[in-house]
């Protein structure tokens, strides 16, 4: 049956700007970058560690999702260290690292104004 999530799509307005953000600041690696229709590309990125893939692509009619909170939680073994490293690269955070009973989290924004959670990994 189902083994895992293959990828998640992140809605973006400017694919070139988003690609630069995800590769230069977050350390993702490009696995696919091909034309998709007349106005977009299908851009697949691998997370620096792990099996997660993200796609920088916006389905037609879903442009209103750009710049909103995304239901995607990225994981880090050391959120405080990741926070410091990413902040030094210019990543904008909407919260400082916050300790909870279940772990540590922080919220950040990408180049398109999308907001994500970075949370403690349970590995």
Protein backbone atom coordinates (compact mmCIF):
# COMPACT_ATOMS: atom_id res chain seq x y z
CA UNK A 1 0.00 0.00 0.00
CA UNK A 2 1.24 3.54 0.76
CA UNK A 3 4.88 3.67 1.84
CA UNK A 4 5.54 7.41 2.29
CA UNK A 5 4.86 10.91 1.01
CA UNK A 6 6.77 11.35 -2.25
CA UNK A 7 6.86 15.15 -2.21
CA UNK A 8 4.95 18.21 -1.09
CA UNK A 9 4.26 21.20 -3.27
CA UNK A 10 5.15 24.68 -2.10
CA UNK A 11 3.24 27.44 -3.89
CA UNK A 12 5.56 30.12 -5.24
CA UNK A 13 5.13 33.28 -7.29
CA UNK A 14 8.69 33.56 -8.61
CA UNK A 15 10.25 30.15 -9.24
CA UNK A 16 13.76 31.53 -9.81
CA UNK A 17 13.70 33.53 -6.56
CA UNK A 18 12.28 30.54 -4.64
CA UNK A 19 14.84 28.18 -6.16
CA UNK A 20 17.67 30.47 -5.05
CA UNK A 21 16.21 30.66 -1.51
CA UNK A 22 15.76 26.91 -1.11
CA UNK A 23 19.17 26.00 -2.52
CA UNK A 24 21.34 28.87 -1.21
CA UNK A 25 19.74 29.39 2.20
CA UNK A 26 18.16 26.06 3.12
CA UNK A 27 20.65 23.79 1.34
CA UNK A 28 18.19 21.82 -0.79
CA UNK A 29 19.51 20.14 -3.97
CA UNK A 30 17.83 20.27 -7.38
CA UNK A 31 16.81 16.87 -8.73
CA UNK A 32 14.46 18.01 -11.51
CA UNK A 33 14.00 21.34 -13.28
CA UNK A 34 11.95 21.03 -16.47
CA UNK A 35 9.35 23.11 -18.30
CA UNK A 36 5.77 22.48 -17.24
CA UNK A 37 3.31 24.19 -19.51
CA UNK A 38 3.95 27.61 -20.94
CA UNK A 39 4.53 29.62 -17.79
CA UNK A 40 6.05 27.33 -15.13
CA UNK A 41 8.69 24.72 -14.48
CA UNK A 42 8.46 21.52 -12.46
CA UNK A 43 11.22 22.01 -9.89
CA UNK A 44 11.89 19.14 -7.47
CA UNK A 45 14.34 19.61 -4.61
CA UNK A 46 15.80 17.11 -2.13
CA UNK A 47 16.17 18.12 1.51
CA UNK A 48 19.81 18.31 2.66
CA UNK A 49 19.32 15.25 4.89
CA UNK A 50 16.66 12.62 4.52
CA UNK A 51 14.14 11.53 1.93
CA UNK A 52 11.90 14.59 1.77
CA UNK A 53 11.31 16.27 -1.56
CA UNK A 54 9.59 19.58 -2.20
CA UNK A 55 8.24 20.89 -5.48
CA UNK A 56 8.31 24.63 -6.19
CA UNK A 57 5.13 24.80 -8.22
CA UNK A 58 1.72 26.43 -8.02
CA UNK A 59 -1.31 24.72 -9.53
CA UNK A 60 -3.33 27.03 -11.73
CA UNK A 61 -6.13 28.55 -9.68
CA UNK A 62 -4.23 28.12 -6.40
CA UNK A 63 -2.21 31.34 -6.52
CA UNK A 64 -4.04 32.57 -3.41
CA UNK A 65 -2.06 30.02 -1.36
CA UNK A 66 1.21 31.83 -1.99
CA UNK A 67 2.43 33.75 1.06
CA UNK A 68 0.28 31.88 3.58
CA UNK A 69 0.94 29.43 6.41
CA UNK A 70 1.86 26.07 4.87
CA UNK A 71 0.97 22.81 6.61
CA UNK A 72 4.53 21.58 6.25
CA UNK A 73 6.76 20.98 9.25
CA UNK A 74 10.47 20.59 8.58
CA UNK A 75 12.57 18.63 11.08
CA UNK A 76 15.95 19.33 12.66
CA UNK A 77 17.93 17.40 15.26
CA UNK A 78 19.02 20.73 16.77
CA UNK A 79 16.50 23.52 16.18
CA UNK A 80 18.55 26.13 18.07
CA UNK A 81 21.65 25.44 15.95
CA UNK A 82 19.61 25.42 12.73
CA UNK A 83 17.95 28.68 13.76
CA UNK A 84 21.35 30.36 14.27
CA UNK A 85 22.76 29.03 10.98
CA UNK A 86 19.70 29.96 8.92
CA UNK A 87 19.37 33.38 10.54
CA UNK A 88 23.01 34.06 9.61
CA UNK A 89 22.09 33.24 5.98
CA UNK A 90 19.28 35.80 6.06
CA UNK A 91 16.28 33.53 6.64
CA UNK A 92 13.46 35.50 8.30
CA UNK A 93 11.90 34.01 11.42
CA UNK A 94 8.48 34.90 12.79
CA UNK A 95 9.19 33.34 16.20
CA UNK A 96 12.32 32.61 18.20
CA UNK A 97 13.05 28.98 19.14
CA UNK A 98 10.37 27.91 21.60
CA UNK A 99 10.65 24.99 24.02
CA UNK A 100 7.56 22.84 24.56
CA UNK A 101 6.98 19.55 26.39
CA UNK A 102 7.13 17.73 23.05
CA UNK A 103 10.25 19.50 21.74
CA UNK A 104 11.52 22.74 20.24
CA UNK A 105 10.13 24.66 17.28
CA UNK A 106 10.60 27.89 15.37
CA UNK A 107 8.65 29.45 12.50
CA UNK A 108 10.23 30.97 9.39
CA UNK A 109 9.29 32.43 6.05
CA UNK A 110 10.60 31.64 2.59
CA UNK A 111 11.25 34.12 -0.23
CA UNK A 112 7.58 34.01 -1.23
CA UNK A 113 6.20 34.82 2.23
CA UNK A 114 5.15 31.22 2.95
CA UNK A 115 5.41 30.37 6.65
CA UNK A 116 6.72 27.00 7.87
CA UNK A 117 7.52 25.30 11.15
CA UNK A 118 10.96 23.87 11.90
CA UNK A 119 10.65 21.39 14.75
CA UNK A 120 12.69 18.93 16.76
CA UNK A 121 13.26 15.63 14.98
CA UNK A 122 12.53 12.46 16.93
CA UNK A 123 15.25 10.42 15.15
